[in-house]
Amino acid sequence: MEHHPAAARLTEAATSAVQQHGTGNLLRVVLIVMVLGCALTAWFLLSGYKRKDD
C-alpha cells in the first residue's frame, strides 16, 4: 500500500484535535462537512432539471 503524505497529515491533525479538545469538535466538523457535501451534491444534481433540452 502506498503512503500518502496528505492523508498522514490529515490523520495527524484529526488525532491532535481529539487529544486536545475531545471528540466533540471533531464530530462537529465532520457533521458540518457532511451537510455541506450533501447540499452541494443536491444542488449539482437538481441544477440539471432546470435546463431544457430542445
PDB file of N, CA and C in Angstrom:
ATOM      1  N   MET A   1       0.843  -1.170   0.000  1.00  0.00           N
ATOM      2  CA  MET A   1       0.000   0.000   0.000  1.00  0.00           C
ATOM      3  C   MET A   1       0.891   1.237   0.000  1.00  0.00           C
ATOM      4  N   GLU A   2       0.507   2.247  -0.814  1.00  0.00           N
ATOM      5  CA  GLU A   2       1.294   3.466  -0.906  1.00  0.00           C
ATOM      6  C   GLU A   2       1.062   4.364   0.287  1.00  0.00           C
ATOM      7  N   HIS A   3       2.073   5.138   0.589  1.00  0.00           N
ATOM      8  CA  HIS A   3       1.962   6.118   1.671  1.00  0.00           C
ATOM      9  C   HIS A   3       1.598   7.470   1.064  1.00  0.00           C
ATOM     10  N   HIS A   4       0.530   8.083   1.556  1.00  0.00           N
ATOM     11  CA  HIS A   4       0.087   9.382   1.060  1.00  0.00           C
ATOM     12  C   HIS A   4       0.350  10.431   2.129  1.00  0.00           C
ATOM     13  N   PRO A   5       1.239  11.383   1.868  1.00  0.00           N
ATOM     14  CA  PRO A   5       1.573  12.394   2.874  1.00  0.00           C
ATOM     15  C   PRO A   5       0.373  13.248   3.274  1.00  0.00           C
ATOM     16  N   ALA A   6      -0.529  13.544   2.341  1.00  0.00           N
ATOM     17  CA  ALA A   6      -1.699  14.362   2.676  1.00  0.00           C
ATOM     18  C   ALA A   6      -2.604  13.615   3.642  1.00  0.00           C
ATOM     19  N   ALA A   7      -2.788  12.324   3.420  1.00  0.00           N
ATOM     20  CA  ALA A   7      -3.626  11.528   4.313  1.00  0.00           C
ATOM     21  C   ALA A   7      -2.991  11.420   5.690  1.00  0.00           C
ATOM     22  N   ALA A   8      -1.671  11.316   5.723  1.00  0.00           N
ATOM     23  CA  ALA A   8      -0.978  11.236   7.010  1.00  0.00           C
ATOM     24  C   ALA A   8      -1.129  12.536   7.777  1.00  0.00           C
ATOM     25  N   ARG A   9      -1.027  13.674   7.078  1.00  0.00           N
ATOM     26  CA  ARG A   9      -1.206  14.973   7.742  1.00  0.00           C
ATOM     27  C   ARG A   9      -2.626  15.147   8.248  1.00  0.00           C
ATOM     28  N   LEU A  10      -3.601  14.694   7.463  1.00  0.00           N
ATOM     29  CA  LEU A  10      -4.999  14.797   7.878  1.00  0.00           C
ATOM     30  C   LEU A  10      -5.264  13.927   9.101  1.00  0.00           C
ATOM     31  N   THR A  11      -4.729  12.723   9.097  1.00  0.00           N
ATOM     32  CA  THR A  11      -4.893  11.828  10.241  1.00  0.00           C
ATOM     33  C   THR A  11      -4.219  12.398  11.480  1.00  0.00           C
ATOM     34  N   GLU A  12      -3.042  12.970  11.302  1.00  0.00           N
ATOM     35  CA  GLU A  12      -2.328  13.570  12.432  1.00  0.00           C
ATOM     36  C   GLU A  12      -3.083  14.769  12.988  1.00  0.00           C
ATOM     37  N   ALA A  13      -3.663  15.585  12.118  1.00  0.00           N
ATOM     38  CA  ALA A  13      -4.437  16.743  12.565  1.00  0.00           C
ATOM     39  C   ALA A  13      -5.689  16.304  13.320  1.00  0.00           C
ATOM     40  N   ALA A  14      -6.356  15.268  12.814  1.00  0.00           N
ATOM     41  CA  ALA A  14      -7.553  14.773  13.483  1.00  0.00           C
ATOM     42  C   ALA A  14      -7.206  14.176  14.845  1.00  0.00           C
ATOM     43  N   THR A  15      -6.100  13.461  14.914  1.00  0.00           N
ATOM     44  CA  THR A  15      -5.671  12.855  16.178  1.00  0.00           C
ATOM     45  C   THR A  15      -5.326  13.920  17.205  1.00  0.00           C
ATOM     46  N   SER A  16      -4.617  14.960  16.776  1.00  0.00           N
ATOM     47  CA  SER A  16      -4.262  16.013  17.726  1.00  0.00           C
ATOM     48  C   SER A  16      -5.491  16.790  18.169  1.00  0.00           C
ATOM     49  N   ALA A  17      -6.471  16.975  17.275  1.00  0.00           N
ATOM     50  CA  ALA A  17      -7.702  17.671  17.654  1.00  0.00           C
ATOM     51  C   ALA A  17      -8.473  16.875  18.692  1.00  0.00           C
ATOM     52  N   VAL A  18      -8.507  15.565  18.535  1.00  0.00           N
ATOM     53  CA  VAL A  18      -9.214  14.717  19.500  1.00  0.00           C
ATOM     54  C   VAL A  18      -8.494  14.737  20.845  1.00  0.00           C
ATOM     55  N   GLN A  19      -7.172  14.700  20.815  1.00  0.00           N
ATOM     56  CA  GLN A  19      -6.419  14.684  22.066  1.00  0.00           C
ATOM     57  C   GLN A  19      -6.535  16.011  22.803  1.00  0.00           C
ATOM     58  N   GLN A  20      -6.576  17.119  22.099  1.00  0.00           N
ATOM     59  CA  GLN A  20      -6.606  18.424  22.734  1.00  0.00           C
ATOM     60  C   GLN A  20      -8.006  18.849  23.144  1.00  0.00           C
ATOM     61  N   HIS A  21      -8.992  18.580  22.315  1.00  0.00           N
ATOM     62  CA  HIS A  21     -10.317  19.136  22.533  1.00  0.00           C
ATOM     63  C   HIS A  21     -11.408  18.087  22.735  1.00  0.00           C
ATOM     64  N   GLY A  22     -11.087  16.846  22.666  1.00  0.00           N
ATOM     65  CA  GLY A  22     -12.106  15.816  22.788  1.00  0.00           C
ATOM     66  C   GLY A  22     -12.756  15.543  21.450  1.00  0.00           C
ATOM     67  N   THR A  23     -13.689  14.622  21.443  1.00  0.00           N
ATOM     68  CA  THR A  23     -14.314  14.220  20.183  1.00  0.00           C
ATOM     69  C   THR A  23     -15.420  15.164  19.748  1.00  0.00           C
ATOM     70  N   GLY A  24     -15.858  16.065  20.605  1.00  0.00           N
ATOM     71  CA  GLY A  24     -16.968  16.952  20.257  1.00  0.00           C
ATOM     72  C   GLY A  24     -16.664  17.839  19.075  1.00  0.00           C
ATOM     73  N   ASN A  25     -15.498  18.471  19.049  1.00  0.00           N
ATOM     74  CA  ASN A  25     -15.145  19.364  17.940  1.00  0.00           C
ATOM     75  C   ASN A  25     -14.955  18.588  16.650  1.00  0.00           C
ATOM     76  N   LEU A  26     -14.330  17.440  16.715  1.00  0.00           N
ATOM     77  CA  LEU A  26     -14.128  16.629  15.516  1.00  0.00           C
ATOM     78  C   LEU A  26     -15.473  16.185  14.941  1.00  0.00           C
ATOM     79  N   LEU A  27     -16.370  15.750  15.792  1.00  0.00           N
ATOM     80  CA  LEU A  27     -17.692  15.326  15.345  1.00  0.00           C
ATOM     81  C   LEU A  27     -18.449  16.495  14.727  1.00  0.00           C
ATOM     82  N   ARG A  28     -18.323  17.656  15.320  1.00  0.00           N
ATOM     83  CA  ARG A  28     -18.986  18.849  14.797  1.00  0.00           C
ATOM     84  C   ARG A  28     -18.464  19.177  13.394  1.00  0.00           C
ATOM     85  N   VAL A  29     -17.163  19.106  13.196  1.00  0.00           N
ATOM     86  CA  VAL A  29     -16.579  19.390  11.881  1.00  0.00           C
ATOM     87  C   VAL A  29     -17.029  18.351  10.863  1.00  0.00           C
ATOM     88  N   VAL A  30     -17.027  17.097  11.252  1.00  0.00           N
ATOM     89  CA  VAL A  30     -17.457  16.035  10.336  1.00  0.00           C
ATOM     90  C   VAL A  30     -18.912  16.232   9.930  1.00  0.00           C
ATOM     91  N   LEU A  31     -19.768  16.577  10.861  1.00  0.00           N
ATOM     92  CA  LEU A  31     -21.182  16.790  10.541  1.00  0.00           C
ATOM     93  C   LEU A  31     -21.377  17.992   9.631  1.00  0.00           C
ATOM     94  N   ILE A  32     -20.656  19.075   9.873  1.00  0.00           N
ATOM     95  CA  ILE A  32     -20.784  20.263   9.023  1.00  0.00           C
ATOM     96  C   ILE A  32     -20.329  19.959   7.607  1.00  0.00           C
ATOM     97  N   VAL A  33     -19.209  19.257   7.467  1.00  0.00           N
ATOM     98  CA  VAL A  33     -18.702  18.904   6.141  1.00  0.00           C
ATOM     99  C   VAL A  33     -19.689  17.973   5.436  1.00  0.00           C
ATOM    100  N   MET A  34     -20.289  17.055   6.173  1.00  0.00           N
ATOM    101  CA  MET A  34     -21.255  16.136   5.591  1.00  0.00           C
ATOM    102  C   MET A  34     -22.494  16.882   5.075  1.00  0.00           C
ATOM    103  N   VAL A  35     -23.008  17.811   5.871  1.00  0.00           N
ATOM    104  CA  VAL A  35     -24.194  18.571   5.464  1.00  0.00           C
ATOM    105  C   VAL A  35     -23.880  19.435   4.245  1.00  0.00           C
ATOM    106  N   LEU A  36     -22.720  20.110   4.262  1.00  0.00           N
ATOM    107  CA  LEU A  36     -22.346  20.925   3.110  1.00  0.00           C
ATOM    108  C   LEU A  36     -22.141  20.074   1.865  1.00  0.00           C
ATOM    109  N   GLY A  37     -21.567  18.899   2.026  1.00  0.00           N
ATOM    110  CA  GLY A  37     -21.386  17.998   0.891  1.00  0.00           C
ATOM    111  C   GLY A  37     -22.713  17.523   0.323  1.00  0.00           C
ATOM    112  N   CYS A  38     -23.660  17.214   1.188  1.00  0.00           N
ATOM    113  CA  CYS A  38     -24.994  16.788   0.723  1.00  0.00           C
ATOM    114  C   CYS A  38     -25.704  17.927  -0.006  1.00  0.00           C
ATOM    115  N   ALA A  39     -25.591  19.136   0.523  1.00  0.00           N
ATOM    116  CA  ALA A  39     -26.229  20.285  -0.117  1.00  0.00           C
ATOM    117  C   ALA A  39     -25.606  20.554  -1.482  1.00  0.00           C
ATOM    118  N   LEU A  40     -24.295  20.483  -1.573  1.00  0.00           N
ATOM    119  CA  LEU A  40     -23.616  20.705  -2.850  1.00  0.00           C
ATOM    120  C   LEU A  40     -23.979  19.621  -3.863  1.00  0.00           C
ATOM    121  N   THR A  41     -24.056  18.392  -3.424  1.00  0.00           N
ATOM    122  CA  THR A  41     -24.433  17.296  -4.313  1.00  0.00           C
ATOM    123  C   THR A  41     -25.872  17.465  -4.804  1.00  0.00           C
ATOM    124  N   ALA A  42     -26.780  17.829  -3.892  1.00  0.00           N
ATOM    125  CA  ALA A  42     -28.181  18.044  -4.278  1.00  0.00           C
ATOM    126  C   ALA A  42     -28.291  19.187  -5.283  1.00  0.00           C
ATOM    127  N   TRP A  43     -27.565  20.277  -5.032  1.00  0.00           N
ATOM    128  CA  TRP A  43     -27.598  21.412  -5.962  1.00  0.00           C
ATOM    129  C   TRP A  43     -27.090  20.989  -7.334  1.00  0.00           C
ATOM    130  N   PHE A  44     -25.998  20.245  -7.361  1.00  0.00           N
ATOM    131  CA  PHE A  44     -25.414  19.804  -8.624  1.00  0.00           C
ATOM    132  C   PHE A  44     -26.380  18.901  -9.390  1.00  0.00           C
ATOM    133  N   LEU A  45     -27.012  17.971  -8.686  1.00  0.00           N
ATOM    134  CA  LEU A  45     -27.922  17.048  -9.358  1.00  0.00           C
ATOM    135  C   LEU A  45     -29.203  17.732  -9.804  1.00  0.00           C
ATOM    136  N   LEU A  46     -29.744  18.606  -8.962  1.00  0.00           N
ATOM    137  CA  LEU A  46     -31.009  19.257  -9.290  1.00  0.00           C
ATOM    138  C   LEU A  46     -30.853  20.382 -10.298  1.00  0.00           C
ATOM    139  N   SER A  47     -29.658  20.916 -10.464  1.00  0.00           N
ATOM    140  CA  SER A  47     -29.468  22.000 -11.433  1.00  0.00           C
ATOM    141  C   SER A  47     -29.669  21.501 -12.859  1.00  0.00           C
ATOM    142  N   GLY A  48     -29.503  20.224 -13.087  1.00  0.00           N
ATOM    143  CA  GLY A  48     -29.719  19.662 -14.414  1.00  0.00           C
ATOM    144  C   GLY A  48     -31.184  19.653 -14.822  1.00  0.00           C
ATOM    145  N   TYR A  49     -32.107  19.707 -13.879  1.00  0.00           N
ATOM    146  CA  TYR A  49     -33.525  19.668 -14.197  1.00  0.00           C
ATOM    147  C   TYR A  49     -34.015  21.017 -14.740  1.00  0.00           C
ATOM    148  N   LYS A  50     -33.266  22.104 -14.510  1.00  0.00           N
ATOM    149  CA  LYS A  50     -33.686  23.414 -14.993  1.00  0.00           C
ATOM    150  C   LYS A  50     -33.452  23.553 -16.482  1.00  0.00           C
ATOM    151  N   ARG A  51     -32.490  22.858 -17.022  1.00  0.00           N
ATOM    152  CA  ARG A  51     -32.145  23.003 -18.432  1.00  0.00           C
ATOM    153  C   ARG A  51     -33.220  22.371 -19.327  1.00  0.00           C
ATOM    154  N   LYS A  52     -33.532  23.053 -20.405  1.00  0.00           N
ATOM    155  CA  LYS A  52     -34.495  22.497 -21.357  1.00  0.00           C
ATOM    156  C   LYS A  52     -33.733  21.899 -22.525  1.00  0.00           C
ATOM    157  N   ASP A  53     -34.017  20.680 -22.829  1.00  0.00           N
ATOM    158  CA  ASP A  53     -33.405  20.010 -23.974  1.00  0.00           C
ATOM    159  C   ASP A  53     -34.346  20.125 -25.166  1.00  0.00           C
ATOM    160  N   ASP A  54     -34.012  21.032 -26.082  1.00  0.00           N
ATOM    161  CA  ASP A  54     -34.892  21.227 -27.246  1.00  0.00           C
ATOM    162  C   ASP A  54     -34.483  20.349 -28.392  1.00  0.00           C
TER     163      ASP A  54
END
